Amino acid sequence: FAVAALFKESALALPLALAAWEWAASPRRPLKEAAHSTAPYFVFAASFAALRSVVLGGTTDSGLYGGTLISHAGFALSGLAVHARSAAWPYGQRLCYTLTDPAGWDLAVAGAVLLAAGAAVFIHGLGERRPWLTGLAWAAAFLLPVSNLIPVSTLAADRYLYASFAGFAWLVALAAARLSARRAWIAAAVLGL
């Protein structure tokens, strides 16, 4: 994990996915044991993020986009909606991955709804320790950093979008496991699409 993070910083999303796996995989396992087994990953991720902030703090853009909290939130939520669409349907991407200024608030509202719905589903999954929690956590862990909802020095790039595919594929696989053998073609078609 440490070597992967040094090569590709998007690996820093792994602790969240591992924590979700530990929580959902063994419903009778106490939370303390699951937290203990994933703690080294979170310690390294926090240390790496702090060091990265010191190193890149003066070289990347940071602060509020547009100068106000409202403009930053609108841009970040719009970005979340755009990146979620790109991760779920990667068609029409261009060489430049930067976001354009949103013309209205429709994308920001879509991003806010997506964030609220994802948080509600995630909290529900935590309470019931559902296996799909890992897939959702994986996808979210790679999508949320690039949205810049919290203004930090971040380098937005497509690697977050590609990494989130594993989480989406996991969700499709879990849904497919509930299908009868006669309907397995549905899962194959979704993954192929």
Protein backbone atom coordinates (compact mmCIF):
# COMPACT_ATOMS: atom_id res chain seq x y z
CA PHE A 1 0.00 0.00 0.00
CA ALA A 2 2.80 2.41 0.90
CA VAL A 3 4.67 1.77 -2.34
CA ALA A 4 1.45 2.07 -4.35
CA ALA A 5 0.69 5.45 -2.72
CA LEU A 6 4.18 6.71 -3.52
CA PHE A 7 3.64 5.86 -7.18
CA LYS A 8 -0.03 6.84 -7.52
CA GLU A 9 -1.61 9.00 -4.83
CA SER A 10 -5.06 7.68 -5.72
CA ALA A 11 -4.06 4.54 -3.75
CA LEU A 12 -4.78 6.60 -0.63
CA ALA A 13 -8.44 5.70 -1.08
CA LEU A 14 -7.69 2.05 -0.23
CA PRO A 15 -8.06 2.38 3.59
CA LEU A 16 -11.70 3.41 3.26
CA ALA A 17 -12.45 0.44 1.03
CA LEU A 18 -10.58 -1.92 3.39
CA ALA A 19 -12.46 -0.55 6.40
CA ALA A 20 -15.75 -1.12 4.61
CA TRP A 21 -14.66 -4.65 3.72
CA GLU A 22 -13.63 -5.44 7.31
CA TRP A 23 -16.92 -4.05 8.60
CA ALA A 24 -19.19 -5.79 6.09
CA ALA A 25 -17.35 -9.11 5.63
CA SER A 26 -17.71 -10.30 9.23
CA PRO A 27 -20.99 -9.11 10.75
CA ARG A 28 -20.20 -10.62 14.15
CA ARG A 29 -16.70 -9.15 14.35
CA PRO A 30 -16.50 -6.27 16.84
CA LEU A 31 -15.82 -2.80 15.45
CA LYS A 32 -12.69 -2.51 17.61
CA GLU A 33 -11.07 -5.51 15.90
CA ALA A 34 -11.92 -4.19 12.43
CA ALA A 35 -10.52 -0.76 13.33
CA HIS A 36 -7.35 -2.34 14.74
CA SER A 37 -6.64 -4.29 11.54
CA THR A 38 -7.05 -1.22 9.28
CA ALA A 39 -5.37 1.34 11.58
CA PRO A 40 -1.88 1.04 9.99
CA TYR A 41 -3.36 1.93 6.59
CA PHE A 42 -5.05 5.03 8.00
CA VAL A 43 -1.90 6.10 9.88
CA PHE A 44 0.18 5.86 6.72
CA ALA A 45 -2.50 7.66 4.65
CA ALA A 46 -2.68 10.52 7.17
CA SER A 47 1.12 10.79 7.32
CA PHE A 48 1.40 10.75 3.54
CA ALA A 49 -1.36 13.37 3.16
CA ALA A 50 0.32 15.66 5.70
CA LEU A 51 3.71 15.32 4.00
CA ARG A 52 2.15 15.83 0.59
CA SER A 53 0.44 18.99 1.80
CA VAL A 54 3.78 20.40 2.96
CA VAL A 55 5.53 19.51 -0.29
CA LEU A 56 2.79 20.54 -2.73
CA GLY A 57 1.17 23.28 -0.65
CA GLY A 58 2.88 26.10 -2.52
CA THR A 59 2.84 24.55 -5.98
CA THR A 60 -0.84 23.74 -6.58
CA ASP A 61 -3.98 25.81 -6.56
CA SER A 62 -5.78 25.78 -3.25
CA GLY A 63 -8.40 27.78 -1.47
CA LEU A 64 -11.95 28.61 -2.41
CA TYR A 65 -12.78 28.45 -6.10
CA GLY A 66 -14.27 31.77 -7.15
CA GLY A 67 -13.39 33.35 -3.81
CA THR A 68 -16.60 32.54 -1.93
CA LEU A 69 -17.86 29.44 -0.16
CA ILE A 70 -21.04 29.40 -2.27
CA SER A 71 -19.16 29.53 -5.59
CA HIS A 72 -16.73 26.86 -4.39
CA ALA A 73 -19.52 24.55 -3.21
CA GLY A 74 -21.38 24.99 -6.50
CA PHE A 75 -18.28 24.22 -8.54
CA ALA A 76 -17.32 21.22 -6.37
CA LEU A 77 -20.83 19.72 -6.42
CA SER A 78 -21.01 20.27 -10.19
CA GLY A 79 -17.65 18.50 -10.49
CA LEU A 80 -18.94 15.59 -8.42
CA ALA A 81 -21.91 15.21 -10.76
CA VAL A 82 -19.69 15.37 -13.86
CA HIS A 83 -17.14 12.89 -12.50
CA ALA A 84 -19.81 10.48 -11.28
CA ARG A 85 -21.34 10.50 -14.75
CA SER A 86 -17.92 9.93 -16.31
CA ALA A 87 -17.18 7.07 -13.92
CA ALA A 88 -20.54 5.39 -14.55
CA TRP A 89 -20.57 6.14 -18.29
CA PRO A 90 -17.09 7.05 -19.62
CA TYR A 91 -18.25 8.23 -23.00
CA GLY A 92 -17.45 11.62 -24.48
CA GLN A 93 -14.35 12.38 -22.42
CA ARG A 94 -11.83 14.68 -23.99
CA LEU A 95 -8.09 14.98 -23.60
CA CYS A 96 -8.52 17.88 -21.16
CA TYR A 97 -10.07 16.68 -17.89
CA THR A 98 -10.55 20.10 -16.34
CA LEU A 99 -14.05 21.21 -15.55
CA THR A 100 -15.63 24.24 -17.13
CA ASP A 101 -17.48 26.82 -15.07
CA PRO A 102 -21.03 25.57 -14.53
CA ALA A 103 -23.55 27.72 -16.40
CA GLY A 104 -26.32 27.25 -13.84
CA TRP A 105 -27.07 25.40 -10.66
CA ASP A 106 -28.49 22.25 -12.27
CA LEU A 107 -25.22 20.30 -12.05
CA ALA A 108 -24.62 21.53 -8.50
CA VAL A 109 -28.08 20.35 -7.46
CA ALA A 110 -27.45 16.98 -9.15
CA GLY A 111 -24.14 16.71 -7.27
CA ALA A 112 -25.82 17.59 -3.96
CA VAL A 113 -28.54 14.99 -4.53
CA LEU A 114 -25.91 12.41 -5.47
CA LEU A 115 -23.85 13.20 -2.37
CA ALA A 116 -26.88 13.09 -0.04
CA ALA A 117 -28.20 9.85 -1.56
CA GLY A 118 -24.77 8.22 -1.42
CA ALA A 119 -24.31 9.24 2.21
CA ALA A 120 -27.76 7.92 3.16
CA VAL A 121 -27.16 4.58 1.43
CA PHE A 122 -23.69 4.34 2.98
CA ILE A 123 -25.01 5.00 6.50
CA HIS A 124 -27.76 2.41 5.94
CA GLY A 125 -25.15 -0.11 4.79
CA LEU A 126 -22.98 0.60 7.83
CA GLY A 127 -25.87 -0.10 10.16
CA GLU A 128 -26.71 -3.43 8.53
CA ARG A 129 -23.18 -4.44 7.48
CA ARG A 130 -24.16 -5.16 3.91
CA PRO A 131 -21.56 -6.59 1.47
CA TRP A 132 -22.33 -3.93 -1.16
CA LEU A 133 -20.91 -1.37 1.26
CA THR A 134 -17.41 -2.21 0.03
CA GLY A 135 -18.28 -1.50 -3.61
CA LEU A 136 -19.96 1.77 -2.73
CA ALA A 137 -17.08 2.80 -0.45
CA TRP A 138 -14.55 1.97 -3.16
CA ALA A 139 -16.34 4.04 -5.80
CA ALA A 140 -16.88 6.97 -3.43
CA ALA A 141 -13.32 6.88 -2.10
CA PHE A 142 -11.96 7.46 -5.58
CA LEU A 143 -14.61 9.96 -6.72
CA LEU A 144 -14.76 12.29 -3.71
CA PRO A 145 -11.12 13.49 -3.65
CA VAL A 146 -11.28 14.82 -7.18
CA SER A 147 -14.44 16.84 -6.53
CA ASN A 148 -12.60 19.18 -4.13
CA LEU A 149 -15.59 19.51 -1.81
CA ILE A 150 -13.07 20.29 0.90
CA PRO A 151 -10.69 22.90 -0.52
CA VAL A 152 -7.27 21.25 -0.48
CA SER A 153 -4.30 21.20 -2.81
CA THR A 154 -5.42 18.42 -5.11
CA LEU A 155 -4.38 17.35 -8.56
CA ALA A 156 -7.55 16.30 -10.36
CA ALA A 157 -6.98 13.64 -12.98
CA ASP A 158 -8.69 10.76 -14.72
CA ARG A 159 -7.00 8.15 -12.53
CA TYR A 160 -9.70 8.70 -9.91
CA LEU A 161 -12.37 7.96 -12.47
CA TYR A 162 -10.78 4.74 -13.67
CA ALA A 163 -10.08 3.50 -10.16
CA SER A 164 -13.74 3.93 -9.20
CA PHE A 165 -14.75 1.38 -11.86
CA ALA A 166 -13.70 -1.45 -9.54
CA GLY A 167 -16.29 -0.34 -7.00
CA PHE A 168 -19.01 -0.05 -9.61
CA ALA A 169 -18.10 -3.48 -11.02
CA TRP A 170 -18.30 -4.91 -7.49
CA LEU A 171 -21.81 -3.50 -7.09
CA VAL A 172 -22.87 -5.00 -10.43
CA ALA A 173 -21.33 -8.37 -9.47
CA LEU A 174 -23.18 -8.43 -6.14
CA ALA A 175 -26.43 -7.57 -7.89
CA ALA A 176 -25.74 -10.28 -10.49
CA ALA A 177 -25.23 -12.87 -7.77
CA ARG A 178 -28.90 -12.46 -6.90
CA LEU A 179 -29.98 -13.28 -10.47
CA SER A 180 -30.91 -16.75 -11.56
CA ALA A 181 -28.54 -18.57 -13.91
CA ARG A 182 -30.99 -17.95 -16.80
CA ARG A 183 -30.64 -14.20 -16.33
CA ALA A 184 -26.85 -14.07 -16.03
CA TRP A 185 -26.74 -12.39 -19.45
CA ILE A 186 -28.13 -9.22 -17.82
CA ALA A 187 -25.02 -8.81 -15.65
CA ALA A 188 -22.76 -9.57 -18.61
CA ALA A 189 -24.56 -6.95 -20.71
CA VAL A 190 -24.28 -4.30 -17.96
CA LEU A 191 -20.56 -4.94 -17.49
CA GLY A 192 -20.01 -5.05 -21.26
CA LEU A 193 -21.87 -1.79 -21.70
